[in-house]
């Protein structure tokens, strides 16, 4: 089994955002949703629902962003 970066996620109050994906990226997202469902036992009816947790995970693990954010919010 694959070790996915994305784990189970809780529903949160949504904010609507429209995004346009390339065909190949959409196919990858659908394939990821299939693997995600197998790994977690949590079926994904709409692969687009994975986009927000993926972005959240990406931001949470981006060291450069974390460092820049700390620098911009730290008192000087």
N, C-alpha and C. Protein backbone atom coordinates (compact mmCIF):
# COMPACT_ATOMS: atom_id res chain seq x y z
N UNK A 1 0.82 -1.18 0.00
CA UNK A 1 0.00 0.00 0.00
C UNK A 1 0.87 1.25 0.00
N UNK A 2 0.34 2.28 -0.65
CA UNK A 2 1.07 3.54 -0.73
C UNK A 2 0.88 4.35 0.55
N UNK A 3 1.89 5.12 0.90
CA UNK A 3 1.81 6.03 2.05
C UNK A 3 1.48 7.41 1.50
N UNK A 4 0.22 7.80 1.63
CA UNK A 4 -0.22 9.08 1.09
C UNK A 4 0.06 10.21 2.07
N UNK A 5 0.35 11.38 1.55
CA UNK A 5 0.54 12.55 2.40
C UNK A 5 -0.78 13.03 2.97
N UNK A 6 -1.86 12.78 2.26
CA UNK A 6 -3.16 13.26 2.68
C UNK A 6 -3.83 12.21 3.55
N UNK A 7 -4.23 12.60 4.74
CA UNK A 7 -4.93 11.70 5.64
C UNK A 7 -6.41 12.05 5.66
N UNK A 8 -7.12 11.42 6.55
CA UNK A 8 -8.55 11.71 6.68
C UNK A 8 -8.74 13.19 7.01
N UNK A 9 -9.83 13.75 6.58
CA UNK A 9 -10.07 15.16 6.82
C UNK A 9 -11.50 15.39 7.29
N UNK A 10 -11.66 16.42 8.06
CA UNK A 10 -12.97 16.78 8.59
C UNK A 10 -13.59 17.86 7.71
N UNK A 11 -14.89 17.84 7.63
CA UNK A 11 -15.57 18.91 6.90
C UNK A 11 -15.45 20.20 7.70
N UNK A 12 -15.30 21.30 7.00
CA UNK A 12 -15.19 22.61 7.62
C UNK A 12 -16.11 23.54 6.84
N UNK A 13 -16.40 24.69 7.41
CA UNK A 13 -17.26 25.63 6.71
C UNK A 13 -16.59 26.03 5.40
N UNK A 14 -17.22 25.74 4.27
CA UNK A 14 -16.57 25.97 2.98
C UNK A 14 -16.66 27.41 2.49
N UNK A 15 -15.70 27.75 1.68
CA UNK A 15 -15.69 29.00 0.93
C UNK A 15 -15.58 28.58 -0.53
N UNK A 16 -16.49 29.04 -1.37
CA UNK A 16 -16.50 28.60 -2.76
C UNK A 16 -15.37 29.26 -3.54
N UNK A 17 -14.61 28.41 -4.24
CA UNK A 17 -13.54 28.87 -5.11
C UNK A 17 -13.66 28.09 -6.41
N UNK A 18 -13.55 28.75 -7.51
CA UNK A 18 -13.59 28.08 -8.81
C UNK A 18 -12.16 27.94 -9.30
N UNK A 19 -11.84 26.73 -9.73
CA UNK A 19 -10.48 26.45 -10.19
C UNK A 19 -10.56 25.67 -11.50
N UNK A 20 -9.64 25.93 -12.39
CA UNK A 20 -9.60 25.24 -13.67
C UNK A 20 -8.38 24.33 -13.67
N UNK A 21 -8.60 23.04 -13.93
CA UNK A 21 -7.51 22.06 -13.94
C UNK A 21 -7.27 21.57 -15.35
N UNK A 22 -6.05 21.24 -15.65
CA UNK A 22 -5.76 20.60 -16.93
C UNK A 22 -6.35 19.19 -16.91
N UNK A 23 -6.56 18.64 -18.07
CA UNK A 23 -7.11 17.29 -18.16
C UNK A 23 -6.24 16.27 -17.45
N UNK A 24 -4.93 16.38 -17.61
CA UNK A 24 -4.03 15.41 -16.98
C UNK A 24 -4.04 15.54 -15.46
N UNK A 25 -4.13 16.77 -14.97
CA UNK A 25 -4.19 16.96 -13.52
C UNK A 25 -5.50 16.40 -12.96
N UNK A 26 -6.59 16.61 -13.69
CA UNK A 26 -7.88 16.05 -13.25
C UNK A 26 -7.83 14.53 -13.21
N UNK A 27 -7.23 13.92 -14.22
CA UNK A 27 -7.09 12.45 -14.22
C UNK A 27 -6.26 11.99 -13.03
N UNK A 28 -5.20 12.72 -12.72
CA UNK A 28 -4.38 12.39 -11.56
C UNK A 28 -5.18 12.53 -10.26
N UNK A 29 -6.01 13.56 -10.18
CA UNK A 29 -6.83 13.77 -9.00
C UNK A 29 -7.83 12.63 -8.82
N UNK A 30 -8.44 12.19 -9.92
CA UNK A 30 -9.38 11.06 -9.87
C UNK A 30 -8.64 9.80 -9.43
N UNK A 31 -7.46 9.57 -9.98
CA UNK A 31 -6.67 8.40 -9.60
C UNK A 31 -6.27 8.48 -8.12
N UNK A 32 -5.90 9.66 -7.66
CA UNK A 32 -5.55 9.85 -6.25
C UNK A 32 -6.74 9.54 -5.37
N UNK A 33 -7.92 9.99 -5.78
CA UNK A 33 -9.15 9.73 -5.01
C UNK A 33 -9.40 8.23 -4.89
N UNK A 34 -9.11 7.49 -5.94
CA UNK A 34 -9.29 6.03 -5.91
C UNK A 34 -8.33 5.39 -4.91
N UNK A 35 -7.07 5.80 -4.96
CA UNK A 35 -6.08 5.26 -4.02
C UNK A 35 -6.43 5.69 -2.59
N UNK A 36 -6.84 6.93 -2.44
CA UNK A 36 -7.23 7.46 -1.13
C UNK A 36 -8.36 6.61 -0.53
N UNK A 37 -9.35 6.30 -1.34
CA UNK A 37 -10.48 5.49 -0.87
C UNK A 37 -10.03 4.10 -0.45
N UNK A 38 -9.11 3.52 -1.21
CA UNK A 38 -8.58 2.20 -0.85
C UNK A 38 -7.79 2.25 0.44
N UNK A 39 -6.98 3.28 0.59
CA UNK A 39 -6.11 3.41 1.76
C UNK A 39 -6.86 3.71 3.05
N UNK A 40 -7.83 4.60 2.96
CA UNK A 40 -8.51 5.08 4.16
C UNK A 40 -9.86 4.42 4.40
N UNK A 41 -10.39 3.76 3.40
CA UNK A 41 -11.73 3.21 3.53
C UNK A 41 -12.79 4.29 3.49
N UNK A 42 -12.40 5.51 3.16
CA UNK A 42 -13.30 6.66 3.09
C UNK A 42 -13.55 6.96 1.61
N UNK A 43 -14.71 6.53 1.08
CA UNK A 43 -14.96 6.76 -0.35
C UNK A 43 -15.04 8.25 -0.67
N UNK A 44 -14.59 8.59 -1.86
CA UNK A 44 -14.58 9.98 -2.30
C UNK A 44 -15.53 10.09 -3.49
N UNK A 45 -16.73 10.60 -3.24
CA UNK A 45 -17.73 10.73 -4.31
C UNK A 45 -17.31 11.80 -5.32
N UNK A 46 -16.68 12.86 -4.83
CA UNK A 46 -16.26 13.97 -5.69
C UNK A 46 -14.78 14.24 -5.44
N UNK A 47 -13.90 13.83 -6.38
CA UNK A 47 -12.46 14.05 -6.19
C UNK A 47 -12.09 15.50 -5.93
N UNK A 48 -12.90 16.45 -6.39
CA UNK A 48 -12.60 17.87 -6.15
C UNK A 48 -12.59 18.19 -4.66
N UNK A 49 -13.27 17.37 -3.85
CA UNK A 49 -13.29 17.58 -2.39
C UNK A 49 -11.90 17.36 -1.78
N UNK A 50 -11.00 16.73 -2.51
CA UNK A 50 -9.63 16.50 -2.02
C UNK A 50 -8.74 17.72 -2.19
N UNK A 51 -9.13 18.63 -3.05
CA UNK A 51 -8.26 19.77 -3.37
C UNK A 51 -7.94 20.61 -2.14
N UNK A 52 -8.97 20.97 -1.36
CA UNK A 52 -8.72 21.82 -0.18
C UNK A 52 -7.81 21.14 0.83
N UNK A 53 -8.04 19.86 1.21
CA UNK A 53 -7.10 19.23 2.15
C UNK A 53 -5.69 19.09 1.58
N UNK A 54 -5.59 18.91 0.26
CA UNK A 54 -4.27 18.82 -0.36
C UNK A 54 -3.52 20.15 -0.24
N UNK A 55 -4.23 21.23 -0.51
CA UNK A 55 -3.60 22.55 -0.40
C UNK A 55 -3.24 22.84 1.05
N UNK A 56 -4.14 22.49 1.96
CA UNK A 56 -3.88 22.70 3.38
C UNK A 56 -2.64 21.93 3.82
N UNK A 57 -2.52 20.69 3.39
CA UNK A 57 -1.36 19.87 3.73
C UNK A 57 -0.09 20.46 3.12
N UNK A 58 -0.18 20.90 1.87
CA UNK A 58 0.96 21.50 1.20
C UNK A 58 1.46 22.72 1.97
N UNK A 59 0.54 23.61 2.33
CA UNK A 59 0.91 24.82 3.05
C UNK A 59 1.50 24.49 4.41
N UNK A 60 0.91 23.52 5.10
CA UNK A 60 1.38 23.14 6.44
C UNK A 60 2.79 22.56 6.42
N UNK A 61 3.19 21.96 5.30
CA UNK A 61 4.50 21.31 5.25
C UNK A 61 5.53 22.09 4.43
N UNK A 62 5.19 23.29 3.98
CA UNK A 62 6.12 24.11 3.20
C UNK A 62 6.99 24.92 4.15
N UNK A 63 8.22 24.51 4.31
CA UNK A 63 9.12 25.17 5.27
C UNK A 63 9.41 26.62 4.90
N UNK A 64 9.60 26.86 3.61
CA UNK A 64 9.88 28.22 3.17
C UNK A 64 8.73 29.16 3.52
N UNK A 65 7.51 28.70 3.33
CA UNK A 65 6.35 29.50 3.67
C UNK A 65 6.29 29.73 5.17
N UNK A 66 6.51 28.67 5.95
CA UNK A 66 6.48 28.81 7.42
C UNK A 66 7.50 29.83 7.90
N UNK A 67 8.70 29.78 7.35
CA UNK A 67 9.74 30.71 7.76
C UNK A 67 9.37 32.14 7.37
N UNK A 68 8.88 32.31 6.16
CA UNK A 68 8.50 33.65 5.69
C UNK A 68 7.33 34.18 6.52
N UNK A 69 6.41 33.32 6.85
CA UNK A 69 5.25 33.76 7.66
C UNK A 69 5.70 34.19 9.04
N UNK A 70 6.60 33.41 9.65
CA UNK A 70 7.12 33.78 10.99
C UNK A 70 7.85 35.11 10.93
N UNK A 71 8.64 35.32 9.88
CA UNK A 71 9.38 36.59 9.74
C UNK A 71 8.43 37.77 9.57
N UNK A 72 7.35 37.55 8.82
CA UNK A 72 6.44 38.67 8.56
C UNK A 72 5.53 38.98 9.75
N UNK A 73 5.34 38.01 10.65
CA UNK A 73 4.47 38.25 11.79
C UNK A 73 5.23 38.51 13.09
N UNK A 74 6.55 38.35 13.05
CA UNK A 74 7.32 38.58 14.27
C UNK A 74 7.58 40.07 14.47
N UNK A 75 7.46 40.55 15.70
CA UNK A 75 7.72 41.98 15.97
C UNK A 75 9.22 42.28 15.80
N UNK A 76 9.49 43.40 15.23
CA UNK A 76 10.91 43.77 15.01
C UNK A 76 11.31 44.92 15.87
